[in-house]
Every structure is written in C-alpha cells, then in structure tokens.
C-alpha cells in the first residue's frame, strides 16, 4: 500500500477536479463538451474507487463491485 497521506491527498485532488467538472457541466451547452466532462467525471470516479479500495486494505477487502454506467 502506498503512503496513506499521499493516497488521501490524491483523493482530495480528484474530488476537487470533480467539483470543477461538475460546475462546468452545469453551464456546458454543447454535446461534445458535456460528453468530455462526463467522461472526465467517470474517470475520476474509477480512480476514487481504486483509492478507497486501497485504503480499505487487504484485510477488509471485499469483492469489488463494478460501477455500472449507463
């Protein structure tokens, strides 16, 4: 497991980026921009899930639920 502090800082950065994307998405009016921001948010969610599983540690690891994206 990588350094817990590093993992938490990375997660904080991802959450801040997600917040910025969300704000931009509220004002985006064209489909390509909306798709780009939505894809960015999905990527950040996947990374956050990985970080959460890493913080959970091997002892408490449960089978990872795949995020269902529709």
C-alpha atoms as a PDB file:
ATOM      1  CA  UNK A   1       0.000   0.000   0.000  1.00  0.00           C
ATOM      2  CA  UNK A   2       1.306   3.394  -0.852  1.00  0.00           C
ATOM      3  CA  UNK A   3       1.653   6.101   1.723  1.00  0.00           C
ATOM      4  CA  UNK A   4      -1.764   6.825   3.283  1.00  0.00           C
ATOM      5  CA  UNK A   5      -1.152  10.572   3.295  1.00  0.00           C
ATOM      6  CA  UNK A   6      -0.266  10.513  -0.395  1.00  0.00           C
ATOM      7  CA  UNK A   7      -3.387   8.484  -1.164  1.00  0.00           C
ATOM      8  CA  UNK A   8      -5.626  10.895   0.743  1.00  0.00           C
ATOM      9  CA  UNK A   9      -4.068  13.929  -0.961  1.00  0.00           C
ATOM     10  CA  UNK A  10      -4.568  12.333  -4.354  1.00  0.00           C
ATOM     11  CA  UNK A  11      -8.192  11.615  -3.469  1.00  0.00           C
ATOM     12  CA  UNK A  12      -8.675  15.232  -2.369  1.00  0.00           C
ATOM     13  CA  UNK A  13      -7.271  16.452  -5.699  1.00  0.00           C
ATOM     14  CA  UNK A  14      -9.602  14.131  -7.600  1.00  0.00           C
ATOM     15  CA  UNK A  15     -12.615  15.362  -5.637  1.00  0.00           C
ATOM     16  CA  UNK A  16     -11.680  18.987  -6.303  1.00  0.00           C
ATOM     17  CA  UNK A  17     -11.343  18.214 -10.007  1.00  0.00           C
ATOM     18  CA  UNK A  18     -14.733  16.501  -9.966  1.00  0.00           C
ATOM     19  CA  UNK A  19     -16.267  19.568  -8.355  1.00  0.00           C
ATOM     20  CA  UNK A  20     -14.793  21.794 -11.063  1.00  0.00           C
ATOM     21  CA  UNK A  21     -16.058  19.473 -13.801  1.00  0.00           C
ATOM     22  CA  UNK A  22     -19.498  19.467 -12.201  1.00  0.00           C
ATOM     23  CA  UNK A  23     -19.562  23.272 -12.173  1.00  0.00           C
ATOM     24  CA  UNK A  24     -18.518  23.382 -15.834  1.00  0.00           C
ATOM     25  CA  UNK A  25     -21.060  20.738 -16.734  1.00  0.00           C
ATOM     26  CA  UNK A  26     -23.863  22.874 -15.325  1.00  0.00           C
ATOM     27  CA  UNK A  27     -23.008  25.609 -17.834  1.00  0.00           C
ATOM     28  CA  UNK A  28     -21.984  23.479 -20.810  1.00  0.00           C
ATOM     29  CA  UNK A  29     -24.451  23.825 -23.639  1.00  0.00           C
ATOM     30  CA  UNK A  30     -22.972  21.691 -26.419  1.00  0.00           C
ATOM     31  CA  UNK A  31     -22.936  17.913 -26.597  1.00  0.00           C
ATOM     32  CA  UNK A  32     -19.179  17.445 -27.173  1.00  0.00           C
ATOM     33  CA  UNK A  33     -18.321  19.495 -24.080  1.00  0.00           C
ATOM     34  CA  UNK A  34     -20.901  17.689 -21.974  1.00  0.00           C
ATOM     35  CA  UNK A  35     -19.583  14.314 -23.154  1.00  0.00           C
ATOM     36  CA  UNK A  36     -15.978  15.313 -22.424  1.00  0.00           C
ATOM     37  CA  UNK A  37     -16.820  16.486 -18.897  1.00  0.00           C
ATOM     38  CA  UNK A  38     -18.958  13.426 -18.195  1.00  0.00           C
ATOM     39  CA  UNK A  39     -16.121  11.141 -19.341  1.00  0.00           C
ATOM     40  CA  UNK A  40     -13.716  13.051 -17.114  1.00  0.00           C
ATOM     41  CA  UNK A  41     -16.024  12.591 -14.133  1.00  0.00           C
ATOM     42  CA  UNK A  42     -16.355   8.865 -14.838  1.00  0.00           C
ATOM     43  CA  UNK A  43     -12.567   8.510 -14.951  1.00  0.00           C
ATOM     44  CA  UNK A  44     -12.230  10.348 -11.655  1.00  0.00           C
ATOM     45  CA  UNK A  45     -14.876   8.110 -10.076  1.00  0.00           C
ATOM     46  CA  UNK A  46     -12.987   4.998 -11.148  1.00  0.00           C
ATOM     47  CA  UNK A  47      -9.751   6.374  -9.668  1.00  0.00           C
ATOM     48  CA  UNK A  48     -11.524   7.322  -6.422  1.00  0.00           C
ATOM     49  CA  UNK A  49     -12.931   3.801  -6.178  1.00  0.00           C
ATOM     50  CA  UNK A  50      -9.428   2.348  -6.560  1.00  0.00           C
ATOM     51  CA  UNK A  51      -8.076   4.672  -3.874  1.00  0.00           C
ATOM     52  CA  UNK A  52     -10.904   3.753  -1.482  1.00  0.00           C
ATOM     53  CA  UNK A  53     -10.211   0.060  -2.023  1.00  0.00           C
ATOM     54  CA  UNK A  54      -6.524   0.695  -1.390  1.00  0.00           C
ATOM     55  CA  UNK A  55      -7.329   2.496   1.869  1.00  0.00           C
ATOM     56  CA  UNK A  56      -9.609  -0.352   2.894  1.00  0.00           C
ATOM     57  CA  UNK A  57      -6.578  -2.625   2.859  1.00  0.00           C
ATOM     58  CA  UNK A  58      -6.205  -6.325   2.119  1.00  0.00           C
ATOM     59  CA  UNK A  59      -7.719  -7.493   5.432  1.00  0.00           C
ATOM     60  CA  UNK A  60     -11.010  -5.728   4.849  1.00  0.00           C
ATOM     61  CA  UNK A  61     -11.167  -6.205   1.112  1.00  0.00           C
ATOM     62  CA  UNK A  62     -14.483  -7.382  -0.189  1.00  0.00           C
ATOM     63  CA  UNK A  63     -15.141  -8.309  -3.781  1.00  0.00           C
ATOM     64  CA  UNK A  64     -15.124  -5.033  -5.651  1.00  0.00           C
ATOM     65  CA  UNK A  65     -18.449  -4.038  -7.054  1.00  0.00           C
ATOM     66  CA  UNK A  66     -18.118  -2.873 -10.597  1.00  0.00           C
ATOM     67  CA  UNK A  67     -19.601   0.509 -11.226  1.00  0.00           C
ATOM     68  CA  UNK A  68     -22.481   0.157 -13.621  1.00  0.00           C
ATOM     69  CA  UNK A  69     -22.501   3.020 -16.040  1.00  0.00           C
ATOM     70  CA  UNK A  70     -25.441   3.565 -18.281  1.00  0.00           C
END
